[in-house]
Protein backbone atom coordinates (compact mmCIF):
# COMPACT_ATOMS: atom_id res chain seq x y z
CA MET A 1 43.58 37.59 6.14
CA GLU A 2 40.95 34.84 5.78
CA THR A 3 41.51 31.82 3.50
CA ALA A 4 38.71 29.25 3.05
CA PHE A 5 38.46 26.01 1.20
CA PRO A 6 37.44 24.82 -1.32
CA PRO A 7 39.15 27.28 -3.90
CA THR A 8 36.86 28.40 -6.71
CA GLY A 9 37.09 29.56 -10.26
CA ARG A 10 35.21 32.08 -12.13
CA GLY A 11 31.62 32.74 -10.98
CA GLY A 12 32.41 30.85 -7.72
CA VAL A 13 32.42 27.43 -9.28
CA PRO A 14 34.80 24.98 -7.76
CA LEU A 15 37.95 24.20 -9.70
CA ASP A 16 37.88 20.99 -11.64
CA GLU A 17 38.36 17.86 -9.56
CA THR A 18 38.37 19.86 -6.40
CA PRO A 19 36.46 18.09 -3.53
CA VAL A 20 33.70 20.35 -2.22
CA SER A 21 33.68 20.43 1.60
CA ASP A 22 30.73 20.80 3.78
CA PRO A 23 30.17 24.61 4.18
CA ALA A 24 29.61 23.94 7.89
CA LYS A 25 33.18 22.66 8.07
CA THR A 26 34.89 25.43 6.08
CA LEU A 27 38.35 25.80 7.40
CA VAL A 28 39.63 29.34 8.21
CA LEU A 29 43.44 29.16 8.31
CA ARG A 30 43.92 32.64 9.75
CA PRO A 31 40.64 34.24 11.13
CA SER A 32 40.61 37.99 11.45
CA PRO A 33 39.60 39.58 14.85
CA SER A 34 36.22 40.58 13.32
CA ALA A 35 35.55 37.04 12.14
CA THR A 36 36.56 35.60 15.48
CA TYR A 37 34.22 38.00 17.21
CA GLN A 38 31.28 37.06 14.99
CA ALA A 39 32.09 33.31 15.63
CA ARG A 40 31.91 33.82 19.44
CA LEU A 41 28.85 36.03 19.10
CA THR A 42 26.78 33.60 16.82
CA ALA A 43 27.89 30.33 18.42
CA ARG A 44 25.31 27.94 19.79
CA THR A 45 26.66 28.79 23.20
CA PRO A 46 28.06 32.38 22.91
CA ASP A 47 31.20 33.27 24.69
CA PRO A 48 30.40 35.04 28.03
CA ALA A 49 32.78 37.79 27.15
CA GLU A 50 30.37 38.93 24.51
CA PHE A 51 27.77 39.54 27.25
CA PHE A 52 29.91 41.83 29.32
CA HIS A 53 27.43 44.72 29.59
CA VAL A 54 24.58 42.33 30.05
CA ASN A 55 26.29 40.51 32.80
CA SER A 56 27.33 43.66 34.56
CA SER A 57 24.00 45.55 34.17
CA LEU A 58 21.93 46.81 37.08
CA SER A 59 18.29 45.88 37.39
CA PRO A 60 15.61 46.62 39.99
CA ALA A 61 14.78 42.87 39.93
CA GLY A 62 18.36 41.60 39.71
CA ALA A 63 20.32 40.42 42.63
CA HIS A 64 23.74 39.45 40.99
CA ASN A 65 24.82 43.08 40.66
CA ALA A 66 24.57 45.84 43.20
CA PRO A 67 25.35 49.65 43.21
CA LEU A 68 28.27 50.61 45.32
CA ASP A 69 27.39 51.30 48.94
CA ASP A 70 29.61 54.39 49.49
CA SER A 71 29.68 54.29 53.22
CA GLU A 72 30.69 50.64 53.26
CA PHE A 73 33.28 51.27 50.58
CA ARG A 74 34.75 54.14 52.57
CA GLU A 75 35.11 51.81 55.54
CA ILE A 76 36.74 49.04 53.51
CA LEU A 77 38.97 51.62 51.70
CA ALA A 78 40.29 52.99 55.05
CA TRP A 79 40.92 49.46 56.32
CA PHE A 80 42.68 48.29 53.17
CA HIS A 81 45.06 51.21 52.82
CA GLY A 82 45.77 51.25 56.54
CA SER A 83 46.80 47.61 56.77
CA ALA A 84 48.08 46.27 53.36
CA PHE A 85 51.88 46.08 53.16
CA ALA A 86 52.32 47.80 56.51
CA PRO A 87 54.46 45.45 58.64
CA HIS A 88 55.10 46.38 62.26
CA ASP A 89 58.41 47.97 63.10
CA ASP A 90 59.22 44.98 65.25
CA GLU A 91 58.76 42.58 62.34
CA TRP A 92 61.50 43.77 60.16
CA ASP A 93 64.54 46.01 59.91
CA PRO A 94 64.10 48.37 56.86
CA ARG A 95 67.76 49.16 56.49
CA GLU A 96 68.77 45.51 56.56
CA ALA A 97 66.01 44.81 53.99
CA GLU A 98 67.23 47.68 51.81
CA ALA A 99 70.83 46.45 52.01
CA GLU A 100 69.55 42.95 50.68
CA GLY A 101 67.57 44.64 47.94
CA ALA A 102 64.34 43.35 49.36
CA VAL A 103 62.85 46.87 49.37
CA LEU A 104 63.28 50.01 47.38
CA PRO A 105 62.95 53.45 49.13
CA ALA A 106 59.87 55.37 47.87
CA ALA A 107 62.05 58.50 48.06
CA ALA A 108 64.12 57.06 45.24
CA VAL A 109 61.05 56.84 43.11
CA ARG A 110 60.07 60.38 43.91
CA ASP A 111 63.48 61.43 42.86
CA ALA A 112 63.33 59.54 39.67
CA TRP A 113 59.87 60.42 38.36
CA GLY A 114 58.52 63.05 40.85
CA VAL A 115 55.58 60.93 41.82
CA ASP A 116 54.28 60.42 45.30
CA LEU A 117 51.35 58.05 46.08
CA PRO A 118 48.62 58.80 46.63
CA GLY A 119 49.23 62.54 46.68
CA SER A 120 50.28 62.90 42.94
CA LEU A 121 47.00 61.26 41.81
CA GLY A 122 44.59 63.85 43.17
CA ASP A 123 41.97 63.71 45.95
CA ASP A 124 40.63 60.36 44.88
CA GLY A 125 44.02 58.74 44.43
CA GLU A 126 43.43 56.19 47.18
CA GLU A 127 40.11 55.15 45.55
CA LEU A 128 41.95 54.71 42.10
CA LEU A 129 44.47 52.61 43.84
CA TYR A 130 42.04 50.34 45.72
CA GLY A 131 41.31 47.87 42.81
CA THR A 132 44.79 48.27 41.12
CA ASP A 133 48.23 47.14 42.20
CA LEU A 134 51.21 49.06 40.75
CA MET A 135 54.11 46.68 40.20
CA LEU A 136 57.60 47.96 39.22
CA LEU A 137 60.23 45.83 37.37
CA LEU A 138 63.68 47.22 38.03
CA HIS A 139 67.08 45.79 38.43
CA GLY A 140 65.72 42.21 38.18
CA ARG A 141 63.23 42.69 40.95
CA LEU A 142 59.38 43.07 40.83
CA TYR A 143 58.36 45.46 43.53
CA ARG A 144 54.92 46.37 44.67
CA TRP A 145 54.39 50.10 44.90
CA PHE A 146 51.84 50.84 47.56
CA PRO A 147 50.48 54.28 48.51
CA GLY A 148 51.59 56.00 51.75
CA ARG A 149 54.50 53.61 52.37
CA ASP A 150 58.10 54.52 52.67
CA TRP A 151 59.17 51.38 50.92
CA LEU A 152 58.32 49.35 47.81
CA PHE A 153 58.38 45.70 48.69
CA THR A 154 59.85 42.93 46.59
CA ASP A 155 57.26 40.54 45.11
CA SER A 156 59.71 38.40 43.21
CA ARG A 157 63.16 38.23 41.92
CA LEU A 158 63.56 37.57 38.20
CA ALA A 159 66.42 36.18 36.05
CA ASP A 160 67.87 38.19 33.30
CA ASP A 161 66.40 35.93 30.57
CA THR A 162 62.86 36.22 32.37
CA VAL A 163 63.22 40.07 32.24
CA ALA A 164 64.13 39.90 28.57
CA ALA A 165 61.13 37.70 27.96
CA ILE A 166 58.89 40.17 29.65
CA HIS A 167 60.13 42.96 27.36
CA GLY A 168 59.64 40.63 24.48
CA CYS A 169 55.91 40.37 25.29
CA LEU A 170 55.29 44.07 24.73
CA LEU A 171 53.62 45.21 21.45
CA PRO A 172 55.01 47.04 19.81
CA ALA A 173 58.52 46.56 21.39
CA ALA A 174 59.03 49.08 24.03
CA PRO A 175 61.70 51.75 23.64
CA GLN A 176 64.77 51.19 25.67
CA ALA A 177 63.51 51.41 29.24
CA ASP A 178 65.28 50.76 32.52
CA ALA A 179 62.06 50.21 34.38
CA LEU A 180 58.57 48.83 33.50
CA LEU A 181 55.57 49.99 35.66
CA PHE A 182 52.66 47.41 35.45
CA VAL A 183 49.11 48.67 36.17
CA VAL A 184 47.62 45.39 37.51
CA GLY A 185 43.80 45.14 37.98
CA VAL A 186 42.66 43.05 41.03
CA ALA A 187 39.03 42.35 39.98
CA PRO A 188 37.82 40.59 43.30
CA ARG A 189 38.27 43.84 45.27
CA TRP A 190 35.47 45.44 43.21
CA THR A 191 33.43 42.38 42.33
CA ALA A 192 33.19 41.40 45.97
CA LEU A 193 31.29 44.59 46.45
CA GLN A 194 29.29 44.81 43.38
CA GLY A 195 29.21 41.48 41.56
CA PRO A 196 30.18 41.54 37.80
CA ARG A 197 29.29 45.21 37.86
CA GLY A 198 32.70 45.59 39.54
CA TYR A 199 34.54 44.82 36.36
CA ARG A 200 33.26 48.05 34.89
CA ARG A 201 34.48 50.07 37.77
CA LEU A 202 37.78 48.19 37.75
CA LEU A 203 38.48 49.04 34.11
CA LEU A 204 37.39 52.74 34.54
CA THR A 205 39.41 53.31 37.58
CA ALA A 206 42.57 51.54 36.14
CA GLY A 207 42.21 53.88 33.11
CA ARG A 208 42.04 57.00 35.27
CA LEU A 209 44.90 55.85 37.41
CA THR A 210 47.05 55.32 34.31
CA ASP A 211 46.20 58.71 32.91
CA ARG A 212 46.99 60.46 36.31
CA LEU A 213 50.35 58.68 36.57
CA VAL A 214 51.43 59.65 33.12
CA ARG A 215 50.37 63.26 33.86
CA ALA A 216 52.21 63.32 37.09
CA ILE A 217 55.42 62.09 35.53
CA ALA A 218 55.14 64.46 32.62
CA ASP A 219 54.76 67.45 34.92
CA ALA A 220 57.63 66.44 37.00
CA THR A 221 60.05 65.43 34.27
CA GLY A 222 58.81 67.35 31.23
CA SER A 223 58.33 64.28 29.25
CA ALA A 224 55.23 61.99 29.16
CA PRO A 225 56.07 58.19 29.05
CA PRO A 226 54.37 55.96 26.55
CA VAL A 227 51.48 53.64 27.73
CA LEU A 228 51.44 50.20 26.24
CA LEU A 229 48.06 48.57 26.05
CA ASP A 230 48.97 45.51 23.81
CA PHE A 231 51.09 42.67 24.90
CA TYR A 232 50.99 38.82 25.02
CA ASP A 233 48.81 38.53 28.08
CA ASP A 234 49.15 34.82 29.04
CA ARG A 235 52.87 34.78 28.48
CA MET A 236 53.40 37.99 30.40
CA HIS A 237 51.25 36.92 33.31
CA GLY A 238 53.18 33.60 33.58
CA LEU A 239 56.49 35.48 33.64
CA LEU A 240 55.26 37.93 36.29
CA GLY A 241 53.61 35.24 38.47
CA LEU A 242 49.97 36.53 37.97
CA ASP A 243 47.07 34.30 37.30
CA GLY A 244 45.57 36.48 34.54
CA LEU A 245 42.11 36.33 36.15
CA GLU A 246 41.97 37.72 39.61
CA ARG A 247 45.16 39.74 38.90
CA ALA A 248 45.85 40.79 35.30
CA VAL A 249 47.91 43.59 33.65
CA GLN A 250 45.84 46.37 32.20
CA ALA A 251 48.65 48.63 30.96
CA VAL A 252 52.49 48.86 31.01
CA ILE A 253 54.46 52.13 31.28
CA PRO A 254 58.15 51.98 30.29
CA LEU A 255 60.23 54.46 32.26
CA PRO A 256 63.90 55.58 32.48
CA TRP A 257 65.85 55.22 35.69
CA GLN A 258 68.86 56.93 36.99
CA ASP A 259 70.81 54.89 39.49
CA ARG A 260 71.90 58.09 41.30
CA ALA A 261 68.22 58.47 42.20
CA ALA A 262 68.64 55.64 44.63
CA HIS A 263 69.98 56.39 48.10
CA ASP A 264 73.06 54.27 47.59
CA GLY A 265 73.34 54.87 43.88
CA GLY A 266 73.81 51.07 43.48
CA SER A 267 72.13 48.52 41.24
CA ARG A 268 70.42 45.90 43.37
CA ARG A 269 70.07 42.44 42.32
C-alpha cells in the first residue's frame, strides 16, 4: 500500500491549511514492489540489477562476457570434483571425526532420502553441482554435502537459538522439519569462466539442480518435499556464515530425518 502526502480533498484539491509539499519530495511510507522497481529503473543512475540481461549479454564486439569453452570447462570440472573436500587418508581419521560429530556418513543421507550424489541427479549431475554447494542443517550442525564423497563435512556448529532464527527467516514458515537443505549458489565459479554471463548459468543450473533433488527424493520416499524460494536473505546469510554475494542461498528444502537412518542412531551435537 502506498501513502503519499499531502492528503487531498475532492477533485484532488489539498485540504484546507494543508502545506503542499514539493512533488519531487513526495514521501512514500510503504512503497510497493512495483513502485520500488520503477524508482530503481527511472533513477538518474539506475540500479545495476535492472540491467541484468544487458550486463550478461553476449556480443561479437564485447569482451566482458564470453561463451563457455566446453573443453576448458570439462577440465576444470574434473579437477574441481576430484580435489574439493577430498582429504588424504593420512590427514584424518574418519571414525574419530564421526564420533566427534564433525562428519555425517553419506550413507545415512541415502538411507533417509534415497539420494546419492551425483548419481541421483542424472548424467549431468556433476555439472549442476559445480556452481552450487549443498549445505545441510541437521542436529545443530551445518554440513557440506559434496558429490562422490563418503562423508558430509561440518562447515559450522550452530547454537539452538541460531537454528531457531534460521527457521524464522523462512517465508512462509516452513512446516515442521528436522533438517534444512540449502541450495547455495557460488557465482565466481561461473563468472570466472564467462564474466557476468555466468550469473545466468548459475541461476539456471541451480534451478535444475533443485528440481532434480526434489524428484529424486519424491521417487525414493513417495513424497515430494516443499521448495522455499522466499526468505529474509541478509539475515539468513549472516546466520549461516555466508557473504550473500559470492555465496548466496537460492532455495531451501525442508526435510524429515529419522535418527535411525544414522549409523549409530544418535543425535550429534
